[in-house]
Amino acid sequence: MDERNSFQDFSNRAIELNQTTGHPKRRMRTEVPIYQKGLLTLEEAAEYTGLGVNKLRSMSNGEDCPFVLWNGTKRMFKRRKLDAYLDDAYSI
């Protein structure tokens, strides 16, 4: 089998087409439980910790916040570091 045929075989397997419409089939998204995610959105972090969205927002506004990763303007919470921060905190 030459290189071109192996690429075609791979591409044929990578994209399955709907037989009736000819459009690519949509894959089902699997839902990952919050406790297994590495990064959480603000809403997920609020649900996970039981803290309010506004409280989490005010806690994470600082540039030196150890449990936030900024993706442009979107804040993502590092779940393990957030857990450690809350475990060590006396008061928030």
N, C-alpha and C. Protein backbone atom coordinates (compact mmCIF):
# COMPACT_ATOMS: atom_id res chain seq x y z
N MET A 1 0.86 -1.17 0.00
CA MET A 1 0.00 0.00 0.00
C MET A 1 0.90 1.24 0.00
N ASP A 2 0.68 2.13 -0.95
CA ASP A 2 1.52 3.33 -0.99
C ASP A 2 0.97 4.39 -0.03
N GLU A 3 1.74 5.46 0.10
CA GLU A 3 1.40 6.52 1.07
C GLU A 3 0.07 7.18 0.75
N ARG A 4 -0.23 7.37 -0.51
CA ARG A 4 -1.47 8.03 -0.91
C ARG A 4 -2.69 7.20 -0.51
N ASN A 5 -2.64 5.89 -0.75
CA ASN A 5 -3.77 5.03 -0.39
C ASN A 5 -3.98 4.97 1.11
N SER A 6 -2.89 4.96 1.89
CA SER A 6 -3.05 4.91 3.34
C SER A 6 -3.68 6.20 3.85
N PHE A 7 -3.36 7.36 3.22
CA PHE A 7 -3.98 8.62 3.62
C PHE A 7 -5.46 8.60 3.29
N GLN A 8 -5.83 8.08 2.13
CA GLN A 8 -7.24 8.01 1.77
C GLN A 8 -8.00 7.10 2.71
N ASP A 9 -7.40 5.97 3.08
CA ASP A 9 -8.06 5.07 4.02
C ASP A 9 -8.29 5.75 5.36
N PHE A 10 -7.27 6.50 5.81
CA PHE A 10 -7.40 7.21 7.08
C PHE A 10 -8.49 8.26 6.99
N SER A 11 -8.49 9.04 5.92
CA SER A 11 -9.49 10.11 5.81
C SER A 11 -10.89 9.53 5.64
N ASN A 12 -11.01 8.38 5.01
CA ASN A 12 -12.32 7.75 4.88
C ASN A 12 -12.85 7.29 6.24
N ARG A 13 -11.97 6.85 7.10
CA ARG A 13 -12.40 6.41 8.42
C ARG A 13 -12.62 7.59 9.35
N ALA A 14 -11.88 8.68 9.17
CA ALA A 14 -11.98 9.82 10.08
C ALA A 14 -13.30 10.56 9.93
N ILE A 15 -13.84 10.62 8.74
CA ILE A 15 -15.09 11.34 8.50
C ILE A 15 -16.13 10.36 7.98
N GLU A 16 -17.10 10.07 8.82
CA GLU A 16 -18.19 9.22 8.38
C GLU A 16 -19.30 10.11 7.84
N LEU A 17 -19.82 9.76 6.69
CA LEU A 17 -20.86 10.56 6.08
C LEU A 17 -22.22 9.89 6.29
N ASN A 18 -23.22 10.72 6.48
CA ASN A 18 -24.58 10.23 6.55
C ASN A 18 -24.94 9.71 5.18
N GLN A 19 -25.43 8.49 5.10
CA GLN A 19 -25.70 7.85 3.81
C GLN A 19 -26.83 8.53 3.04
N THR A 20 -27.80 9.11 3.72
CA THR A 20 -28.93 9.71 3.01
C THR A 20 -28.64 11.13 2.56
N THR A 21 -27.94 11.93 3.39
CA THR A 21 -27.71 13.33 3.04
C THR A 21 -26.31 13.59 2.49
N GLY A 22 -25.35 12.73 2.84
CA GLY A 22 -23.99 12.94 2.40
C GLY A 22 -23.21 13.91 3.27
N HIS A 23 -23.85 14.44 4.32
CA HIS A 23 -23.18 15.35 5.25
C HIS A 23 -22.45 14.54 6.32
N PRO A 24 -21.41 15.14 6.91
CA PRO A 24 -20.70 14.42 7.98
C PRO A 24 -21.64 14.12 9.14
N LYS A 25 -21.47 12.94 9.75
CA LYS A 25 -22.27 12.57 10.91
C LYS A 25 -21.79 13.37 12.11
N ARG A 26 -22.73 13.74 12.94
CA ARG A 26 -22.39 14.44 14.17
C ARG A 26 -22.10 13.40 15.25
N ARG A 27 -21.02 13.65 15.97
CA ARG A 27 -20.67 12.76 17.06
C ARG A 27 -21.36 13.21 18.32
N MET A 28 -21.75 12.25 19.14
CA MET A 28 -22.38 12.56 20.41
C MET A 28 -21.32 13.12 21.36
N ARG A 29 -21.63 14.19 22.04
CA ARG A 29 -20.73 14.74 23.04
C ARG A 29 -20.92 13.97 24.33
N THR A 30 -19.83 13.61 24.93
CA THR A 30 -19.92 12.93 26.22
C THR A 30 -19.83 13.98 27.31
N GLU A 31 -20.70 13.87 28.27
CA GLU A 31 -20.73 14.81 29.39
C GLU A 31 -19.73 14.36 30.44
N VAL A 32 -18.80 15.24 30.78
CA VAL A 32 -17.78 14.95 31.78
C VAL A 32 -18.26 15.53 33.11
N PRO A 33 -18.28 14.72 34.17
CA PRO A 33 -18.70 15.25 35.48
C PRO A 33 -17.76 16.37 35.94
N ILE A 34 -18.31 17.33 36.65
CA ILE A 34 -17.53 18.49 37.10
C ILE A 34 -16.33 18.06 37.93
N TYR A 35 -16.50 17.06 38.78
CA TYR A 35 -15.40 16.66 39.66
C TYR A 35 -14.25 15.99 38.91
N GLN A 36 -14.42 15.69 37.62
CA GLN A 36 -13.35 15.10 36.82
C GLN A 36 -12.68 16.11 35.90
N LYS A 37 -13.24 17.30 35.79
CA LYS A 37 -12.67 18.32 34.91
C LYS A 37 -11.48 18.99 35.57
N GLY A 38 -10.51 19.36 34.78
CA GLY A 38 -9.36 20.09 35.28
C GLY A 38 -9.63 21.57 35.40
N LEU A 39 -10.36 22.11 34.44
CA LEU A 39 -10.72 23.53 34.42
C LEU A 39 -12.23 23.67 34.47
N LEU A 40 -12.67 24.65 35.23
CA LEU A 40 -14.11 24.90 35.38
C LEU A 40 -14.44 26.32 34.95
N THR A 41 -15.60 26.50 34.36
CA THR A 41 -16.09 27.84 34.08
C THR A 41 -16.54 28.46 35.40
N LEU A 42 -16.85 29.73 35.37
CA LEU A 42 -17.32 30.42 36.57
C LEU A 42 -18.59 29.76 37.12
N GLU A 43 -19.50 29.43 36.25
CA GLU A 43 -20.76 28.80 36.67
C GLU A 43 -20.52 27.40 37.23
N GLU A 44 -19.62 26.63 36.58
CA GLU A 44 -19.31 25.30 37.07
C GLU A 44 -18.61 25.36 38.43
N ALA A 45 -17.71 26.33 38.60
CA ALA A 45 -17.01 26.49 39.87
C ALA A 45 -17.99 26.86 40.98
N ALA A 46 -18.98 27.68 40.66
CA ALA A 46 -20.00 28.04 41.65
C ALA A 46 -20.82 26.81 42.05
N GLU A 47 -21.18 26.01 41.08
CA GLU A 47 -21.94 24.79 41.36
C GLU A 47 -21.08 23.80 42.16
N TYR A 48 -19.82 23.68 41.79
CA TYR A 48 -18.90 22.73 42.43
C TYR A 48 -18.62 23.09 43.88
N THR A 49 -18.39 24.38 44.14
CA THR A 49 -18.00 24.81 45.49
C THR A 49 -19.18 25.18 46.38
N GLY A 50 -20.29 25.55 45.79
CA GLY A 50 -21.42 26.03 46.56
C GLY A 50 -21.33 27.51 46.86
N LEU A 51 -20.29 28.17 46.32
CA LEU A 51 -20.15 29.61 46.49
C LEU A 51 -20.91 30.31 45.37
N GLY A 52 -21.24 31.56 45.59
CA GLY A 52 -21.95 32.32 44.57
C GLY A 52 -21.02 32.78 43.45
N VAL A 53 -21.60 33.04 42.31
CA VAL A 53 -20.84 33.51 41.15
C VAL A 53 -20.15 34.83 41.46
N ASN A 54 -20.85 35.74 42.12
CA ASN A 54 -20.26 37.04 42.45
C ASN A 54 -19.10 36.90 43.43
N LYS A 55 -19.22 36.01 44.40
CA LYS A 55 -18.13 35.79 45.37
C LYS A 55 -16.90 35.23 44.66
N LEU A 56 -17.10 34.24 43.80
CA LEU A 56 -15.98 33.67 43.05
C LEU A 56 -15.34 34.70 42.13
N ARG A 57 -16.17 35.54 41.53
CA ARG A 57 -15.65 36.59 40.65
C ARG A 57 -14.78 37.56 41.44
N SER A 58 -15.25 37.99 42.62
CA SER A 58 -14.46 38.94 43.41
C SER A 58 -13.19 38.29 43.96
N MET A 59 -13.24 37.01 44.30
CA MET A 59 -12.06 36.30 44.79
C MET A 59 -10.99 36.15 43.70
N SER A 60 -11.42 36.07 42.46
CA SER A 60 -10.50 35.74 41.37
C SER A 60 -10.13 36.92 40.48
N ASN A 61 -10.51 38.13 40.88
CA ASN A 61 -10.20 39.30 40.06
C ASN A 61 -8.73 39.68 40.04
N GLY A 62 -8.01 39.35 41.09
CA GLY A 62 -6.60 39.75 41.18
C GLY A 62 -5.72 39.02 40.18
N GLU A 63 -4.66 39.70 39.75
CA GLU A 63 -3.72 39.09 38.80
C GLU A 63 -2.94 37.95 39.42
N ASP A 64 -2.78 37.97 40.73
CA ASP A 64 -1.98 36.95 41.40
C ASP A 64 -2.83 35.79 41.94
N CYS A 65 -4.04 35.65 41.47
CA CYS A 65 -4.92 34.58 41.93
C CYS A 65 -4.36 33.23 41.47
N PRO A 66 -4.06 32.33 42.42
CA PRO A 66 -3.38 31.09 42.06
C PRO A 66 -4.26 30.04 41.40
N PHE A 67 -5.58 30.19 41.45
CA PHE A 67 -6.45 29.15 40.93
C PHE A 67 -7.23 29.56 39.69
N VAL A 68 -6.79 30.64 39.03
CA VAL A 68 -7.48 31.10 37.81
C VAL A 68 -6.52 31.10 36.63
N LEU A 69 -7.02 30.63 35.51
CA LEU A 69 -6.32 30.68 34.24
C LEU A 69 -7.17 31.54 33.32
N TRP A 70 -6.58 32.60 32.79
CA TRP A 70 -7.31 33.49 31.90
C TRP A 70 -7.12 33.04 30.46
N ASN A 71 -8.21 32.85 29.75
CA ASN A 71 -8.21 32.53 28.33
C ASN A 71 -8.82 33.75 27.63
N GLY A 72 -7.98 34.71 27.28
CA GLY A 72 -8.49 35.98 26.78
C GLY A 72 -9.17 36.70 27.93
N THR A 73 -10.47 36.93 27.79
CA THR A 73 -11.23 37.58 28.86
C THR A 73 -12.04 36.57 29.67
N LYS A 74 -11.94 35.32 29.32
CA LYS A 74 -12.70 34.28 30.02
C LYS A 74 -11.84 33.67 31.12
N ARG A 75 -12.38 33.65 32.34
CA ARG A 75 -11.65 33.07 33.47
C ARG A 75 -12.06 31.60 33.62
N MET A 76 -11.05 30.76 33.78
CA MET A 76 -11.24 29.34 34.01
C MET A 76 -10.62 29.02 35.37
N PHE A 77 -11.31 28.22 36.16
CA PHE A 77 -10.84 27.89 37.49
C PHE A 77 -10.14 26.54 37.46
N LYS A 78 -8.92 26.51 38.01
CA LYS A 78 -8.16 25.27 38.14
C LYS A 78 -8.73 24.53 39.33
N ARG A 79 -9.45 23.45 39.06
CA ARG A 79 -10.23 22.78 40.10
C ARG A 79 -9.38 22.35 41.29
N ARG A 80 -8.26 21.70 41.04
CA ARG A 80 -7.43 21.20 42.15
C ARG A 80 -6.86 22.34 42.99
N LYS A 81 -6.42 23.41 42.32
CA LYS A 81 -5.87 24.56 43.06
C LYS A 81 -6.97 25.30 43.82
N LEU A 82 -8.16 25.35 43.25
CA LEU A 82 -9.29 25.95 43.95
C LEU A 82 -9.63 25.14 45.20
N ASP A 83 -9.62 23.80 45.07
CA ASP A 83 -9.85 22.94 46.23
C ASP A 83 -8.82 23.20 47.31
N ALA A 84 -7.55 23.25 46.93
CA ALA A 84 -6.47 23.47 47.90
C ALA A 84 -6.61 24.83 48.56
N TYR A 85 -6.95 25.85 47.79
CA TYR A 85 -7.14 27.20 48.34
C TYR A 85 -8.26 27.20 49.38
N LEU A 86 -9.38 26.56 49.05
CA LEU A 86 -10.51 26.55 49.98
C LEU A 86 -10.21 25.68 51.19
N ASP A 87 -9.45 24.61 51.01
CA ASP A 87 -9.08 23.77 52.16
C ASP A 87 -8.22 24.53 53.16
N ASP A 88 -7.34 25.39 52.66
CA ASP A 88 -6.43 26.14 53.54
C ASP A 88 -7.04 27.43 54.08
N ALA A 89 -8.15 27.87 53.52
CA ALA A 89 -8.73 29.16 53.91
C ALA A 89 -9.49 29.04 55.25
N TYR A 90 -9.31 30.05 56.07
CA TYR A 90 -10.06 30.15 57.31
C TYR A 90 -11.38 30.86 57.06
N SER A 91 -11.31 31.87 56.19
CA SER A 91 -12.47 32.71 55.91
C SER A 91 -12.35 33.22 54.48
N ILE A 92 -13.49 33.38 53.82
CA ILE A 92 -13.46 33.95 52.46
C ILE A 92 -14.44 35.10 52.37
